[in-house]
Amino acid sequence: MESITQLFTTIFDTHPWHVPLVHFPVALSGVALFFLLLALWQRNELLERAAFYNMALVAISTVAAGATGYRDYIVRYEGDAPYANTKIFLAISLLALSAIIAISRWRQPDLLWKPSTMILYLLGFAGCFMLATALGFLGGVILYGF
């Protein structure tokens, strides 16, 4: 019974959940942008659909990473982590942009292939990747200093 208690303590108290979850929005947004660029280059709808699915996962994983990050901010840093307000703003921006892109693409599947929306759609994917990268950099600054 003690080993089960130790397991739960390790999972829920010792190891911060934010650390593994934070890598998902960064990786998924980069992969989504890569798939979108490949889809444009190859004129491939399957690659564009993969980019869309990755962007939907960016929105979902941003919620999970943000919630666990806020928990760590309260529990581990006692509300005194540097750049916390900036990270919260960037995380909300990433969530909003990725959700808007995913919902827009879900409602209108040919966003990439219309000349009137192609550039904006591509810039949205690039913006998500830049926001996720900035969040990752600030997380490293908080953890390791700079």
N, C-alpha and C. Protein backbone atom coordinates (compact mmCIF):
# COMPACT_ATOMS: atom_id res chain seq x y z
N MET A 1 0.81 -1.19 0.00
CA MET A 1 0.00 0.00 0.00
C MET A 1 0.86 1.26 0.00
N GLU A 2 2.00 1.18 0.67
CA GLU A 2 2.88 2.34 0.73
C GLU A 2 3.46 2.68 -0.63
N SER A 3 3.73 1.68 -1.46
CA SER A 3 4.27 1.94 -2.79
C SER A 3 3.25 2.65 -3.67
N ILE A 4 1.98 2.35 -3.50
CA ILE A 4 0.93 3.04 -4.25
C ILE A 4 0.85 4.50 -3.81
N THR A 5 0.96 4.73 -2.52
CA THR A 5 0.96 6.10 -2.00
C THR A 5 2.16 6.87 -2.53
N GLN A 6 3.31 6.24 -2.58
CA GLN A 6 4.50 6.89 -3.11
C GLN A 6 4.35 7.20 -4.60
N LEU A 7 3.72 6.29 -5.32
CA LEU A 7 3.48 6.51 -6.74
C LEU A 7 2.60 7.73 -6.95
N PHE A 8 1.49 7.81 -6.21
CA PHE A 8 0.60 8.96 -6.33
C PHE A 8 1.29 10.26 -5.92
N THR A 9 2.10 10.20 -4.88
CA THR A 9 2.85 11.38 -4.44
C THR A 9 3.82 11.83 -5.53
N THR A 10 4.49 10.89 -6.14
CA THR A 10 5.43 11.21 -7.21
C THR A 10 4.71 11.83 -8.41
N ILE A 11 3.60 11.23 -8.79
CA ILE A 11 2.86 11.71 -9.97
C ILE A 11 2.23 13.08 -9.72
N PHE A 12 1.58 13.25 -8.57
CA PHE A 12 0.78 14.44 -8.36
C PHE A 12 1.48 15.56 -7.59
N ASP A 13 2.51 15.25 -6.82
CA ASP A 13 3.15 16.29 -6.00
C ASP A 13 4.59 16.57 -6.38
N THR A 14 5.38 15.54 -6.58
CA THR A 14 6.81 15.72 -6.79
C THR A 14 7.13 16.26 -8.18
N HIS A 15 6.62 15.61 -9.20
CA HIS A 15 6.95 15.99 -10.57
C HIS A 15 5.91 16.97 -11.11
N PRO A 16 6.34 18.14 -11.57
CA PRO A 16 5.36 19.10 -12.11
C PRO A 16 4.79 18.61 -13.45
N TRP A 17 3.50 18.71 -13.60
CA TRP A 17 2.83 18.26 -14.83
C TRP A 17 3.11 19.18 -16.00
N HIS A 18 3.40 20.42 -15.70
CA HIS A 18 3.60 21.40 -16.76
C HIS A 18 4.79 21.05 -17.65
N VAL A 19 5.81 20.49 -17.06
CA VAL A 19 7.05 20.21 -17.80
C VAL A 19 6.81 19.31 -19.02
N PRO A 20 6.16 18.16 -18.90
CA PRO A 20 5.96 17.36 -20.11
C PRO A 20 4.86 17.92 -21.02
N LEU A 21 3.84 18.55 -20.45
CA LEU A 21 2.73 19.02 -21.28
C LEU A 21 3.08 20.24 -22.12
N VAL A 22 4.03 21.03 -21.66
CA VAL A 22 4.35 22.28 -22.36
C VAL A 22 4.97 22.03 -23.73
N HIS A 23 5.55 20.88 -23.95
CA HIS A 23 6.20 20.61 -25.22
C HIS A 23 5.19 20.33 -26.35
N PHE A 24 3.98 19.96 -26.02
CA PHE A 24 3.00 19.64 -27.05
C PHE A 24 2.61 20.84 -27.90
N PRO A 25 2.23 21.98 -27.33
CA PRO A 25 1.88 23.11 -28.20
C PRO A 25 3.04 23.57 -29.08
N VAL A 26 4.24 23.54 -28.55
CA VAL A 26 5.41 23.98 -29.32
C VAL A 26 5.63 23.03 -30.50
N ALA A 27 5.67 21.75 -30.21
CA ALA A 27 5.93 20.77 -31.27
C ALA A 27 4.79 20.71 -32.28
N LEU A 28 3.56 20.70 -31.80
CA LEU A 28 2.42 20.59 -32.71
C LEU A 28 2.28 21.81 -33.60
N SER A 29 2.57 22.99 -33.07
CA SER A 29 2.46 24.19 -33.92
C SER A 29 3.56 24.20 -34.98
N GLY A 30 4.76 23.73 -34.63
CA GLY A 30 5.83 23.63 -35.63
C GLY A 30 5.52 22.62 -36.71
N VAL A 31 4.99 21.48 -36.30
CA VAL A 31 4.62 20.43 -37.26
C VAL A 31 3.46 20.90 -38.13
N ALA A 32 2.50 21.61 -37.55
CA ALA A 32 1.37 22.13 -38.32
C ALA A 32 1.86 23.10 -39.40
N LEU A 33 2.75 24.01 -39.03
CA LEU A 33 3.29 24.94 -40.01
C LEU A 33 4.07 24.20 -41.10
N PHE A 34 4.85 23.21 -40.71
CA PHE A 34 5.61 22.42 -41.68
C PHE A 34 4.67 21.69 -42.65
N PHE A 35 3.63 21.06 -42.12
CA PHE A 35 2.66 20.37 -42.98
C PHE A 35 1.95 21.34 -43.91
N LEU A 36 1.64 22.52 -43.41
CA LEU A 36 0.95 23.51 -44.24
C LEU A 36 1.85 23.97 -45.39
N LEU A 37 3.12 24.21 -45.09
CA LEU A 37 4.05 24.60 -46.15
C LEU A 37 4.24 23.48 -47.17
N LEU A 38 4.31 22.24 -46.69
CA LEU A 38 4.39 21.10 -47.62
C LEU A 38 3.13 20.98 -48.46
N ALA A 39 1.98 21.23 -47.85
CA ALA A 39 0.72 21.16 -48.58
C ALA A 39 0.68 22.21 -49.69
N LEU A 40 1.16 23.39 -49.40
CA LEU A 40 1.21 24.44 -50.43
C LEU A 40 2.16 24.05 -51.55
N TRP A 41 3.32 23.55 -51.18
CA TRP A 41 4.32 23.19 -52.17
C TRP A 41 3.85 22.04 -53.06
N GLN A 42 3.25 21.02 -52.44
CA GLN A 42 2.84 19.83 -53.17
C GLN A 42 1.38 19.89 -53.66
N ARG A 43 0.66 20.95 -53.26
CA ARG A 43 -0.79 21.05 -53.56
C ARG A 43 -1.52 19.79 -53.10
N ASN A 44 -1.27 19.43 -51.85
CA ASN A 44 -1.78 18.18 -51.29
C ASN A 44 -2.79 18.48 -50.17
N GLU A 45 -4.02 18.06 -50.38
CA GLU A 45 -5.07 18.31 -49.40
C GLU A 45 -4.90 17.46 -48.13
N LEU A 46 -4.31 16.29 -48.24
CA LEU A 46 -4.08 15.46 -47.05
C LEU A 46 -3.10 16.12 -46.09
N LEU A 47 -2.06 16.74 -46.62
CA LEU A 47 -1.11 17.44 -45.77
C LEU A 47 -1.76 18.66 -45.12
N GLU A 48 -2.63 19.33 -45.85
CA GLU A 48 -3.34 20.48 -45.27
C GLU A 48 -4.27 20.01 -44.16
N ARG A 49 -4.92 18.89 -44.35
CA ARG A 49 -5.79 18.34 -43.31
C ARG A 49 -4.98 17.94 -42.08
N ALA A 50 -3.80 17.37 -42.29
CA ALA A 50 -2.92 17.04 -41.16
C ALA A 50 -2.51 18.31 -40.41
N ALA A 51 -2.25 19.38 -41.15
CA ALA A 51 -1.91 20.66 -40.52
C ALA A 51 -3.09 21.16 -39.69
N PHE A 52 -4.28 21.03 -40.21
CA PHE A 52 -5.49 21.44 -39.48
C PHE A 52 -5.66 20.62 -38.20
N TYR A 53 -5.49 19.33 -38.28
CA TYR A 53 -5.62 18.48 -37.08
C TYR A 53 -4.57 18.85 -36.03
N ASN A 54 -3.36 19.11 -36.49
CA ASN A 54 -2.32 19.53 -35.55
C ASN A 54 -2.67 20.86 -34.90
N MET A 55 -3.25 21.78 -35.66
CA MET A 55 -3.62 23.08 -35.09
C MET A 55 -4.75 22.91 -34.08
N ALA A 56 -5.68 22.03 -34.33
CA ALA A 56 -6.73 21.76 -33.34
C ALA A 56 -6.11 21.20 -32.06
N LEU A 57 -5.13 20.33 -32.21
CA LEU A 57 -4.43 19.79 -31.04
C LEU A 57 -3.60 20.85 -30.32
N VAL A 58 -3.11 21.86 -31.05
CA VAL A 58 -2.41 22.97 -30.41
C VAL A 58 -3.35 23.67 -29.44
N ALA A 59 -4.57 23.94 -29.89
CA ALA A 59 -5.55 24.62 -29.02
C ALA A 59 -5.84 23.79 -27.77
N ILE A 60 -6.05 22.50 -27.95
CA ILE A 60 -6.36 21.63 -26.81
C ILE A 60 -5.17 21.51 -25.86
N SER A 61 -3.98 21.31 -26.43
CA SER A 61 -2.82 21.15 -25.56
C SER A 61 -2.40 22.46 -24.90
N THR A 62 -2.75 23.59 -25.48
CA THR A 62 -2.47 24.88 -24.85
C THR A 62 -3.30 25.03 -23.58
N VAL A 63 -4.53 24.56 -23.60
CA VAL A 63 -5.36 24.60 -22.39
C VAL A 63 -4.72 23.76 -21.29
N ALA A 64 -4.29 22.55 -21.64
CA ALA A 64 -3.67 21.66 -20.64
C ALA A 64 -2.35 22.25 -20.12
N ALA A 65 -1.52 22.75 -21.02
CA ALA A 65 -0.23 23.32 -20.60
C ALA A 65 -0.45 24.59 -19.78
N GLY A 66 -1.42 25.39 -20.18
CA GLY A 66 -1.70 26.62 -19.43
C GLY A 66 -2.24 26.34 -18.04
N ALA A 67 -3.15 25.38 -17.94
CA ALA A 67 -3.72 25.06 -16.62
C ALA A 67 -2.65 24.50 -15.68
N THR A 68 -1.82 23.62 -16.18
CA THR A 68 -0.77 23.06 -15.33
C THR A 68 0.31 24.10 -15.04
N GLY A 69 0.57 24.99 -15.99
CA GLY A 69 1.53 26.06 -15.74
C GLY A 69 1.03 27.02 -14.67
N TYR A 70 -0.25 27.33 -14.71
CA TYR A 70 -0.81 28.20 -13.68
C TYR A 70 -0.77 27.51 -12.32
N ARG A 71 -1.01 26.20 -12.29
CA ARG A 71 -0.91 25.44 -11.04
C ARG A 71 0.51 25.51 -10.48
N ASP A 72 1.50 25.31 -11.36
CA ASP A 72 2.89 25.40 -10.91
C ASP A 72 3.24 26.81 -10.44
N TYR A 73 2.68 27.80 -11.12
CA TYR A 73 2.91 29.19 -10.73
C TYR A 73 2.41 29.44 -9.31
N ILE A 74 1.25 28.88 -8.97
CA ILE A 74 0.68 29.06 -7.63
C ILE A 74 1.39 28.18 -6.61
N VAL A 75 1.59 26.88 -6.93
CA VAL A 75 2.10 25.92 -5.96
C VAL A 75 3.63 26.02 -5.82
N ARG A 76 4.35 25.99 -6.93
CA ARG A 76 5.81 25.92 -6.87
C ARG A 76 6.48 27.28 -6.71
N TYR A 77 5.92 28.29 -7.34
CA TYR A 77 6.54 29.62 -7.28
C TYR A 77 5.79 30.56 -6.33
N GLU A 78 4.73 30.06 -5.72
CA GLU A 78 3.92 30.82 -4.76
C GLU A 78 3.49 32.16 -5.32
N GLY A 79 3.14 32.16 -6.61
CA GLY A 79 2.65 33.36 -7.26
C GLY A 79 3.71 34.40 -7.56
N ASP A 80 4.98 34.01 -7.57
CA ASP A 80 6.06 34.99 -7.73
C ASP A 80 7.06 34.57 -8.81
N ALA A 81 6.60 33.99 -9.89
CA ALA A 81 7.49 33.62 -10.99
C ALA A 81 7.72 34.84 -11.89
N PRO A 82 8.94 35.01 -12.38
CA PRO A 82 9.18 36.14 -13.29
C PRO A 82 8.46 35.92 -14.62
N TYR A 83 8.08 37.00 -15.26
CA TYR A 83 7.43 36.99 -16.57
C TYR A 83 6.10 36.25 -16.58
N ALA A 84 5.48 36.07 -15.43
CA ALA A 84 4.23 35.31 -15.37
C ALA A 84 3.12 35.99 -16.16
N ASN A 85 2.98 37.29 -16.00
CA ASN A 85 1.92 37.99 -16.72
C ASN A 85 2.14 37.93 -18.23
N THR A 86 3.38 38.03 -18.65
CA THR A 86 3.69 37.92 -20.08
C THR A 86 3.35 36.54 -20.60
N LYS A 87 3.70 35.52 -19.84
CA LYS A 87 3.39 34.14 -20.26
C LYS A 87 1.90 33.89 -20.31
N ILE A 88 1.17 34.42 -19.35
CA ILE A 88 -0.29 34.26 -19.35
C ILE A 88 -0.89 34.93 -20.59
N PHE A 89 -0.43 36.14 -20.89
CA PHE A 89 -0.92 36.84 -22.07
C PHE A 89 -0.60 36.07 -23.35
N LEU A 90 0.63 35.59 -23.47
CA LEU A 90 1.02 34.84 -24.66
C LEU A 90 0.25 33.53 -24.78
N ALA A 91 0.01 32.86 -23.66
CA ALA A 91 -0.73 31.59 -23.69
C ALA A 91 -2.18 31.82 -24.12
N ILE A 92 -2.79 32.87 -23.60
CA ILE A 92 -4.17 33.19 -24.02
C ILE A 92 -4.20 33.57 -25.49
N SER A 93 -3.19 34.29 -25.95
CA SER A 93 -3.10 34.65 -27.37
C SER A 93 -2.94 33.41 -28.24
N LEU A 94 -2.09 32.48 -27.81
CA LEU A 94 -1.91 31.24 -28.56
C LEU A 94 -3.20 30.43 -28.60
N LEU A 95 -3.87 30.34 -27.47
CA LEU A 95 -5.14 29.62 -27.43
C LEU A 95 -6.15 30.26 -28.37
N ALA A 96 -6.28 31.57 -28.31
CA ALA A 96 -7.27 32.26 -29.15
C ALA A 96 -6.95 32.09 -30.63
N LEU A 97 -5.69 32.31 -31.00
CA LEU A 97 -5.32 32.21 -32.41
C LEU A 97 -5.47 30.80 -32.94
N SER A 98 -5.00 29.81 -32.19
CA SER A 98 -5.11 28.43 -32.67
C SER A 98 -6.57 27.98 -32.72
N ALA A 99 -7.38 28.40 -31.77
CA ALA A 99 -8.80 28.03 -31.79
C ALA A 99 -9.52 28.71 -32.96
N ILE A 100 -9.21 29.97 -33.21
CA ILE A 100 -9.83 30.67 -34.34
C ILE A 100 -9.45 30.01 -35.66
N ILE A 101 -8.19 29.65 -35.79
CA ILE A 101 -7.74 28.98 -37.02
C ILE A 101 -8.44 27.63 -37.17
N ALA A 102 -8.47 26.84 -36.11
CA ALA A 102 -9.07 25.50 -36.19
C ALA A 102 -10.57 25.58 -36.47
N ILE A 103 -11.27 26.48 -35.81
CA ILE A 103 -12.71 26.60 -36.03
C ILE A 103 -13.01 27.14 -37.43
N SER A 104 -12.22 28.12 -37.86
CA SER A 104 -12.42 28.68 -39.21
C SER A 104 -12.20 27.61 -40.27
N ARG A 105 -11.14 26.84 -40.11
CA ARG A 105 -10.84 25.78 -41.09
C ARG A 105 -11.89 24.67 -41.05
N TRP A 106 -12.40 24.38 -39.86
CA TRP A 106 -13.43 23.36 -39.73
C TRP A 106 -14.71 23.79 -40.45
N ARG A 107 -15.04 25.08 -40.34
CA ARG A 107 -16.25 25.59 -40.97
C ARG A 107 -16.07 25.83 -42.46
N GLN A 108 -14.83 26.09 -42.90
CA GLN A 108 -14.55 26.39 -44.30
C GLN A 108 -13.29 25.65 -44.73
N PRO A 109 -13.41 24.40 -45.16
CA PRO A 109 -12.25 23.54 -45.42
C PRO A 109 -11.30 24.03 -46.52
N ASP A 110 -11.71 24.95 -47.36
CA ASP A 110 -10.85 25.37 -48.47
C ASP A 110 -10.14 26.70 -48.20
N LEU A 111 -9.87 27.00 -46.94
CA LEU A 111 -9.20 28.26 -46.59
C LEU A 111 -7.83 28.40 -47.26
N LEU A 112 -7.08 27.34 -47.30
CA LEU A 112 -5.73 27.41 -47.87
C LEU A 112 -5.77 27.59 -49.37
N TRP A 113 -6.78 27.07 -50.00
CA TRP A 113 -6.80 27.05 -51.46
C TRP A 113 -7.47 28.28 -52.07
N LYS A 114 -8.03 29.16 -51.25
CA LYS A 114 -8.60 30.41 -51.75
C LYS A 114 -7.53 31.49 -51.74
N PRO A 115 -7.35 32.18 -52.83
CA PRO A 115 -6.33 33.24 -52.84
C PRO A 115 -6.60 34.35 -51.81
N SER A 116 -7.86 34.59 -51.50
CA SER A 116 -8.20 35.68 -50.57
C SER A 116 -7.87 35.35 -49.12
N THR A 117 -7.75 34.07 -48.77
CA THR A 117 -7.48 33.69 -47.38
C THR A 117 -6.16 32.94 -47.19
N MET A 118 -5.48 32.62 -48.27
CA MET A 118 -4.27 31.81 -48.18
C MET A 118 -3.19 32.46 -47.31
N ILE A 119 -2.89 33.71 -47.55
CA ILE A 119 -1.82 34.39 -46.81
C ILE A 119 -2.18 34.53 -45.34
N LEU A 120 -3.42 34.91 -45.06
CA LEU A 120 -3.84 35.06 -43.67
C LEU A 120 -3.80 33.73 -42.92
N TYR A 121 -4.22 32.68 -43.58
CA TYR A 121 -4.20 31.33 -42.99
C TYR A 121 -2.75 30.92 -42.69
N LEU A 122 -1.87 31.14 -43.63
CA LEU A 122 -0.46 30.81 -43.44
C LEU A 122 0.16 31.65 -42.33
N LEU A 123 -0.16 32.94 -42.28
CA LEU A 123 0.37 33.81 -41.22
C LEU A 123 -0.16 33.40 -39.85
N GLY A 124 -1.39 32.91 -39.79
CA GLY A 124 -1.93 32.42 -38.52
C GLY A 124 -1.14 31.23 -38.00
N PHE A 125 -0.80 30.31 -38.87
CA PHE A 125 0.01 29.16 -38.47
C PHE A 125 1.39 29.60 -38.01
N ALA A 126 1.99 30.53 -38.76
CA ALA A 126 3.31 31.03 -38.38
C ALA A 126 3.23 31.78 -37.04
N GLY A 127 2.16 32.54 -36.84
CA GLY A 127 1.98 33.26 -35.58
C GLY A 127 1.86 32.31 -34.40
N CYS A 128 1.13 31.22 -34.58
CA CYS A 128 1.01 30.23 -33.51
C CYS A 128 2.38 29.64 -33.16
N PHE A 129 3.16 29.35 -34.18
CA PHE A 129 4.49 28.79 -33.92
C PHE A 129 5.37 29.80 -33.19
N MET A 130 5.30 31.06 -33.59
CA MET A 130 6.11 32.09 -32.92
C MET A 130 5.66 32.30 -31.48
N LEU A 131 4.35 32.30 -31.23
CA LEU A 131 3.86 32.43 -29.86
C LEU A 131 4.31 31.26 -29.00
N ALA A 132 4.19 30.04 -29.53
CA ALA A 132 4.61 28.86 -28.77
C ALA A 132 6.11 28.88 -28.50
N THR A 133 6.89 29.34 -29.47
CA THR A 133 8.33 29.42 -29.27
C THR A 133 8.68 30.47 -28.22
N ALA A 134 8.02 31.61 -28.26
CA ALA A 134 8.25 32.65 -27.25
C ALA A 134 7.88 32.15 -25.86
N LEU A 135 6.78 31.42 -25.76
CA LEU A 135 6.39 30.84 -24.47
C LEU A 135 7.45 29.86 -23.97
N GLY A 136 7.97 29.05 -24.86
CA GLY A 136 9.01 28.10 -24.47
C GLY A 136 10.28 28.81 -24.01
N PHE A 137 10.65 29.87 -24.72
CA PHE A 137 11.84 30.61 -24.33
C PHE A 137 11.66 31.24 -22.94
N LEU A 138 10.52 31.86 -22.71
CA LEU A 138 10.27 32.47 -21.39
C LEU A 138 10.21 31.42 -20.29
N GLY A 139 9.71 30.23 -20.60
CA GLY A 139 9.72 29.15 -19.63
C GLY A 139 11.14 28.76 -19.26
N GLY A 140 12.01 28.73 -20.26
CA GLY A 140 13.42 28.44 -19.98
C GLY A 140 14.07 29.53 -19.15
N VAL A 141 13.69 30.78 -19.40
CA VAL A 141 14.21 31.89 -18.60
C VAL A 141 13.77 31.75 -17.15
N ILE A 142 12.51 31.40 -16.94
CA ILE A 142 11.99 31.22 -15.59
C ILE A 142 12.73 30.08 -14.89
N LEU A 143 12.91 28.97 -15.59
CA LEU A 143 13.51 27.80 -14.98
C LEU A 143 15.02 27.92 -14.78
N TYR A 144 15.71 28.41 -15.79
CA TYR A 144 17.18 28.41 -15.75
C TYR A 144 17.80 29.79 -15.56
N GLY A 145 17.00 30.85 -15.69
CA GLY A 145 17.53 32.20 -15.61
C GLY A 145 18.18 32.60 -16.91
N PHE A 146 18.41 33.90 -17.07
CA PHE A 146 19.01 34.37 -18.31
C PHE A 146 19.67 35.69 -18.10
